[in-house]
Amino acid sequence: MFTVLGATGTVGGQLAASLLGDGHRVRAVGRSASRLDTLARLGAEPAVADATDVPALTDAMRGSSAVFVMQPADATAVDHMASQRSMTDAIVGALRDSGVSRVVVLSSVGAEIPSGTGFLAGLHVMEQGLASLPDVDMLTLRAGWFYDNARAYLPLIQHAGLVADSLDPDVAVPMVATRDIAAAAREALTGESWGGGHPIREILGPVDLDQATVTRVLGRALGLPEMEYVRLSDDDMIATLVAEAGFSPDVARHHVGMTRAINDGRVAARHTGVPVITGPTTIDDYAATLAEALLSPDKR
């Protein structure tokens, strides 16, 4: 039995479906029973649990040969870091109480930095908390920026024909497809690709990419070859996230804190001594898949 936290999310959902497709028993954990229905129909055992509910998480993890752990960001949290610490404490407590001895963790490039990195500082808290479990073998996958973050741009693409964020347009960012992260997590959970201890791997795409290039590739795939990337000011990005995406002001500030750290070069990949798993999916591959899904006849 494998337990997958965040099973209704982008990475967790693909991981759970892949494990089920390989014939493994899967306990899929999420906050919404209705959103777990798809995996339940594929054969998963659904487990409804909030990321701060220690007893529910413990029950979901108990009896598992290995657990996939990730820490979602609550976009509405009044205090983002307090929310992240609360989730870390609950996950650590549940792992300890459940007796699980093998864990795969989804983190991020930049999580090694204690502060000043926006969202990524919350993942540093998570990594430090999980490292306090001495009797648990734990592989941490530090992923690059998700190609799939492009989906957040779709309403703006559809209404204004452009992409906008607070990343500088010419800064190369470590990126990766979530399907490649899910594949690496599946191999780690089921195989013998790592032994004991608390090793760290980076999971990255073939090349780092800047936003101007990503926008150009997405535009070609979506039939919008003139689509441009607009670099919003940090203040405008915060205001947009609050007004249009429902973020709390504090969470919006953490997004900008993350992009500022990337723009300044403080968040980087390929650190000495940290092995890299290179996902095969290119941004062109991802853009073609996204366009096919969006432009198929049943989506029109």
Protein backbone atom coordinates (compact mmCIF):
# COMPACT_ATOMS: atom_id res chain seq x y z
CA MET A 1 0.00 0.00 0.00
CA PHE A 2 1.26 3.45 -0.96
CA THR A 3 -0.25 6.57 0.56
CA VAL A 4 -0.26 9.72 -1.59
CA LEU A 5 -0.86 13.08 0.09
CA GLY A 6 -2.20 15.81 -2.17
CA ALA A 7 -3.77 13.17 -4.41
CA THR A 8 -6.17 15.68 -5.97
CA GLY A 9 -3.29 17.96 -6.95
CA THR A 10 -1.32 18.08 -10.18
CA VAL A 11 1.62 15.91 -9.10
CA GLY A 12 -0.17 13.73 -6.56
CA GLY A 13 -3.02 12.96 -8.94
CA GLN A 14 -0.68 11.80 -11.69
CA LEU A 15 1.38 9.79 -9.21
CA ALA A 16 -1.65 8.04 -7.72
CA ALA A 17 -3.07 7.22 -11.16
CA SER A 18 0.29 5.87 -12.32
CA LEU A 19 0.67 3.64 -9.25
CA LEU A 20 -2.86 2.31 -9.75
CA GLY A 21 -2.10 1.68 -13.43
CA ASP A 22 0.87 -0.43 -12.37
CA GLY A 23 -1.38 -2.54 -10.13
CA HIS A 24 -0.35 -1.09 -6.76
CA ARG A 25 -2.74 -0.47 -3.88
CA VAL A 26 -3.05 3.27 -3.26
CA ARG A 27 -4.59 5.29 -0.46
CA ALA A 28 -5.36 8.69 -1.96
CA VAL A 29 -5.45 11.56 0.54
CA GLY A 30 -7.19 14.86 -0.12
CA ARG A 31 -9.36 17.46 1.54
CA SER A 32 -12.40 16.87 -0.70
CA ALA A 33 -14.28 13.59 -0.94
CA SER A 34 -15.85 14.57 -4.25
CA ARG A 35 -12.49 15.41 -5.82
CA LEU A 36 -11.19 11.97 -4.78
CA ASP A 37 -13.98 10.24 -6.72
CA THR A 38 -11.98 9.95 -9.95
CA LEU A 39 -9.14 8.08 -8.22
CA ALA A 40 -11.63 5.99 -6.24
CA ARG A 41 -13.17 4.85 -9.54
CA LEU A 42 -9.69 3.79 -10.64
CA GLY A 43 -9.39 1.63 -7.52
CA ALA A 44 -7.82 3.94 -4.94
CA GLU A 45 -8.87 3.91 -1.32
CA PRO A 46 -9.97 7.51 -0.64
CA ALA A 47 -8.97 9.16 2.63
CA VAL A 48 -10.33 12.59 3.44
CA ALA A 49 -7.89 14.52 5.61
CA ASP A 50 -6.92 18.13 6.08
CA ALA A 51 -3.18 18.79 6.03
CA THR A 52 -3.34 19.95 9.67
CA ASP A 53 -5.38 17.02 11.02
CA VAL A 54 -2.88 14.75 12.76
CA PRO A 55 -5.28 11.88 13.63
CA ALA A 56 -6.75 11.76 10.11
CA LEU A 57 -3.31 11.91 8.48
CA THR A 58 -2.02 9.22 10.85
CA ASP A 59 -4.90 6.91 9.93
CA ALA A 60 -4.25 7.55 6.24
CA MET A 61 -0.55 6.72 6.55
CA ARG A 62 -0.77 3.75 8.91
CA GLY A 63 0.04 0.41 7.26
CA SER A 64 1.71 1.97 4.21
CA SER A 65 4.95 0.64 2.84
CA ALA A 66 5.82 4.18 1.72
CA VAL A 67 4.21 7.64 1.71
CA PHE A 68 4.40 10.52 -0.76
CA VAL A 69 4.37 13.85 1.09
CA MET A 70 3.84 17.35 -0.20
CA GLN A 71 2.77 20.57 1.48
CA PRO A 72 0.09 22.61 -0.29
CA ALA A 73 -0.05 26.37 0.00
CA ASP A 74 -3.33 27.75 1.30
CA ALA A 75 -3.93 30.75 -0.95
CA THR A 76 -6.34 32.26 1.58
CA ALA A 77 -4.10 31.97 4.66
CA VAL A 78 -3.86 35.23 6.59
CA ASP A 79 -0.34 34.24 7.74
CA HIS A 80 1.33 32.03 5.14
CA MET A 81 4.32 30.93 7.24
CA ALA A 82 2.15 30.09 10.25
CA SER A 83 -0.01 27.98 7.93
CA GLN A 84 3.04 26.18 6.56
CA ARG A 85 4.43 25.50 10.04
CA SER A 86 1.08 24.11 11.14
CA MET A 87 0.99 21.72 8.18
CA THR A 88 4.61 20.68 8.76
CA ASP A 89 3.92 19.91 12.41
CA ALA A 90 0.88 17.81 11.47
CA ILE A 91 2.65 15.84 8.75
CA VAL A 92 5.70 15.19 10.94
CA GLY A 93 3.45 14.09 13.81
CA ALA A 94 1.45 11.78 11.57
CA LEU A 95 4.56 10.18 10.10
CA ARG A 96 5.95 9.61 13.58
CA ASP A 97 2.68 8.23 14.97
CA SER A 98 1.91 6.00 11.98
CA GLY A 99 5.25 4.20 12.06
CA VAL A 100 5.93 4.73 8.35
CA SER A 101 9.60 4.11 7.57
CA ARG A 102 9.91 5.20 3.92
CA VAL A 103 8.89 8.63 2.57
CA VAL A 104 9.26 10.55 -0.69
CA VAL A 105 8.94 14.31 -0.29
CA LEU A 106 8.09 16.88 -2.95
CA SER A 107 9.97 20.11 -2.28
CA SER A 108 11.49 22.80 -4.48
CA VAL A 109 14.74 24.14 -5.77
CA GLY A 110 15.60 26.92 -3.34
CA ALA A 111 14.20 25.17 -0.28
CA GLU A 112 17.74 24.94 1.10
CA ILE A 113 17.60 28.71 1.78
CA PRO A 114 16.12 29.53 5.21
CA SER A 115 14.43 32.85 4.43
CA GLY A 116 13.92 35.64 1.94
CA THR A 117 12.51 33.37 -0.76
CA GLY A 118 8.75 33.80 -0.38
CA PHE A 119 6.84 30.55 -0.80
CA LEU A 120 10.06 28.54 -0.78
CA ALA A 121 10.82 29.46 2.83
CA GLY A 122 7.77 27.41 3.83
CA LEU A 123 9.28 24.40 2.09
CA HIS A 124 12.52 24.97 3.99
CA VAL A 125 10.45 24.70 7.18
CA MET A 126 8.93 21.47 5.88
CA GLU A 127 12.31 19.94 4.99
CA GLN A 128 13.74 20.84 8.39
CA GLY A 129 10.75 19.39 10.20
CA LEU A 130 10.85 16.14 8.26
CA ALA A 131 14.60 15.84 8.85
CA SER A 132 13.83 15.56 12.56
CA LEU A 133 12.50 12.02 11.98
CA PRO A 134 15.69 9.95 12.46
CA ASP A 135 14.15 6.52 11.90
CA VAL A 136 12.55 7.35 8.56
CA ASP A 137 14.29 6.83 5.21
CA MET A 138 13.38 9.91 3.23
CA LEU A 139 14.11 11.01 -0.32
CA THR A 140 13.49 14.70 -1.04
CA LEU A 141 12.77 15.73 -4.63
CA ARG A 142 13.51 19.42 -5.12
CA ALA A 143 11.63 20.34 -8.26
CA GLY A 144 12.00 23.29 -10.58
CA TRP A 145 9.20 25.69 -11.54
CA PHE A 146 6.33 23.66 -12.97
CA TYR A 147 5.60 23.99 -16.69
CA ASP A 148 2.04 23.41 -15.54
CA ASN A 149 2.01 26.80 -13.82
CA ALA A 150 1.16 28.03 -17.31
CA ARG A 151 -2.42 26.94 -16.66
CA ALA A 152 -2.76 29.85 -14.24
CA TYR A 153 -2.17 32.17 -17.20
CA LEU A 154 -4.96 30.73 -19.34
CA PRO A 155 -7.73 33.20 -18.37
CA LEU A 156 -5.40 36.10 -19.19
CA ILE A 157 -4.31 34.44 -22.43
CA GLN A 158 -7.92 33.90 -23.46
CA HIS A 159 -9.06 37.42 -22.57
CA ALA A 160 -6.01 39.55 -23.35
CA GLY A 161 -3.68 37.38 -25.46
CA LEU A 162 -0.73 37.79 -23.13
CA VAL A 163 1.11 36.25 -20.17
CA ALA A 164 1.96 38.30 -17.08
CA ASP A 165 3.86 37.63 -13.87
CA SER A 166 6.53 39.19 -11.65
CA LEU A 167 9.39 37.11 -13.04
CA ASP A 168 11.87 39.05 -15.17
CA PRO A 169 11.39 38.06 -18.83
CA ASP A 170 15.02 37.14 -19.51
CA VAL A 171 15.91 35.25 -16.31
CA ALA A 172 16.49 31.55 -16.94
CA VAL A 173 14.47 29.51 -14.42
CA PRO A 174 14.87 25.79 -13.62
CA MET A 175 11.61 24.23 -14.89
CA VAL A 176 10.12 20.76 -15.15
CA ALA A 177 6.91 18.97 -16.18
CA THR A 178 4.79 17.64 -13.34
CA ARG A 179 4.42 14.34 -15.18
CA ASP A 180 8.20 13.90 -14.91
CA ILE A 181 8.08 14.69 -11.19
CA ALA A 182 5.33 12.09 -10.76
CA ALA A 183 7.42 9.54 -12.68
CA ALA A 184 10.45 10.19 -10.46
CA ALA A 185 8.29 9.89 -7.33
CA ARG A 186 6.78 6.62 -8.55
CA GLU A 187 10.23 5.15 -9.18
CA ALA A 188 11.40 6.29 -5.74
CA LEU A 189 8.37 4.83 -3.97
CA THR A 190 8.41 1.46 -5.72
CA GLY A 191 12.03 0.87 -6.68
CA GLU A 192 15.44 0.67 -5.13
CA SER A 193 16.85 3.85 -6.65
CA TRP A 194 17.93 5.10 -3.22
CA GLY A 195 18.88 3.44 0.00
CA GLY A 196 18.49 4.78 3.52
CA GLY A 197 19.05 8.12 5.13
CA HIS A 198 17.77 11.48 3.89
CA PRO A 199 19.16 11.99 0.36
CA ILE A 200 18.15 14.95 -1.83
CA ARG A 201 17.67 14.97 -5.60
CA GLU A 202 16.81 17.84 -7.91
CA ILE A 203 14.21 17.05 -10.59
CA LEU A 204 14.57 19.41 -13.54
CA GLY A 205 13.68 19.70 -17.21
CA PRO A 206 16.26 19.46 -20.00
CA VAL A 207 17.10 23.21 -19.91
CA ASP A 208 16.35 26.28 -17.83
CA LEU A 209 13.89 28.65 -19.48
CA ASP A 210 13.04 32.35 -19.34
CA GLN A 211 9.50 33.66 -19.47
CA ALA A 212 9.92 35.26 -22.89
CA THR A 213 10.79 31.85 -24.35
CA VAL A 214 7.99 30.06 -22.52
CA THR A 215 5.47 32.64 -23.76
CA ARG A 216 6.72 32.31 -27.33
CA VAL A 217 6.39 28.51 -27.25
CA LEU A 218 2.93 28.64 -25.67
CA GLY A 219 1.83 31.24 -28.21
CA ARG A 220 2.89 29.12 -31.17
CA ALA A 221 1.17 26.03 -29.76
CA LEU A 222 -2.05 27.92 -29.01
CA GLY A 223 -2.19 29.67 -32.38
CA LEU A 224 -1.21 33.04 -30.88
CA PRO A 225 2.25 33.66 -32.38
CA GLU A 226 2.22 37.34 -31.37
CA MET A 227 1.54 36.62 -27.70
CA GLU A 228 3.79 38.63 -25.40
CA TYR A 229 5.01 38.36 -21.83
CA VAL A 230 4.38 41.36 -19.56
CA ARG A 231 6.52 41.78 -16.45
CA LEU A 232 4.22 43.20 -13.79
CA SER A 233 5.65 45.31 -11.02
CA ASP A 234 5.75 43.55 -7.68
CA ASP A 235 2.97 45.80 -6.35
CA ASP A 236 0.78 45.15 -9.41
CA MET A 237 1.38 41.40 -9.11
CA ILE A 238 0.26 41.42 -5.48
CA ALA A 239 -2.85 43.44 -6.33
CA THR A 240 -3.69 41.12 -9.24
CA LEU A 241 -3.34 37.96 -7.17
CA VAL A 242 -5.58 39.39 -4.45
CA ALA A 243 -8.24 40.77 -6.81
CA GLU A 244 -8.27 38.10 -9.53
CA ALA A 245 -6.99 34.87 -7.93
CA GLY A 246 -8.41 35.18 -4.42
CA PHE A 247 -5.03 35.19 -2.68
CA SER A 248 -4.73 36.74 0.75
CA PRO A 249 -2.38 39.76 0.78
CA ASP A 250 0.23 37.80 2.75
CA VAL A 251 0.20 34.83 0.36
CA ALA A 252 0.41 37.21 -2.62
CA ARG A 253 3.45 38.86 -1.04
CA HIS A 254 5.07 35.44 -0.66
CA HIS A 255 4.59 34.78 -4.39
CA VAL A 256 6.39 38.02 -5.16
CA GLY A 257 9.06 37.19 -2.59
CA MET A 258 9.71 33.96 -4.48
CA THR A 259 9.90 35.59 -7.91
CA ARG A 260 12.15 38.34 -6.53
CA ALA A 261 14.57 35.71 -5.19
CA ILE A 262 14.57 34.00 -8.60
CA ASN A 263 15.10 37.31 -10.42
CA ASP A 264 18.01 38.15 -8.11
CA GLY A 265 19.70 34.80 -8.80
CA ARG A 266 19.42 33.61 -5.20
CA VAL A 267 17.33 30.59 -6.24
CA ALA A 268 19.25 28.31 -8.57
CA ALA A 269 19.63 24.62 -9.35
CA ARG A 270 22.41 22.10 -9.96
CA HIS A 271 24.17 22.44 -6.65
CA THR A 272 27.47 20.66 -6.10
CA GLY A 273 26.89 17.28 -4.51
CA VAL A 274 23.15 17.17 -5.26
CA PRO A 275 22.32 14.61 -7.98
CA VAL A 276 19.97 15.77 -10.74
CA ILE A 277 17.14 13.76 -12.27
CA THR A 278 16.48 15.19 -15.73
CA GLY A 279 12.89 14.85 -16.87
CA PRO A 280 12.60 14.23 -20.63
CA THR A 281 9.66 16.56 -21.28
CA THR A 282 10.57 19.79 -23.09
CA ILE A 283 8.55 22.99 -22.98
CA ASP A 284 7.56 22.33 -26.61
CA ASP A 285 6.25 18.89 -25.60
CA TYR A 286 4.27 20.41 -22.75
CA ALA A 287 2.86 23.25 -24.86
CA ALA A 288 1.73 20.81 -27.55
CA THR A 289 -0.04 18.64 -24.95
CA LEU A 290 -1.70 21.69 -23.36
CA ALA A 291 -2.85 23.01 -26.72
CA GLU A 292 -4.24 19.61 -27.72
CA ALA A 293 -6.26 19.44 -24.49
CA LEU A 294 -7.56 22.99 -24.82
CA LEU A 295 -8.29 22.97 -28.56
CA SER A 296 -9.81 19.48 -28.88
CA PRO A 297 -13.39 19.57 -30.26
CA ASP A 298 -14.99 18.60 -26.92
CA LYS A 299 -13.30 21.59 -25.23
CA ARG A 300 -14.59 24.17 -27.72
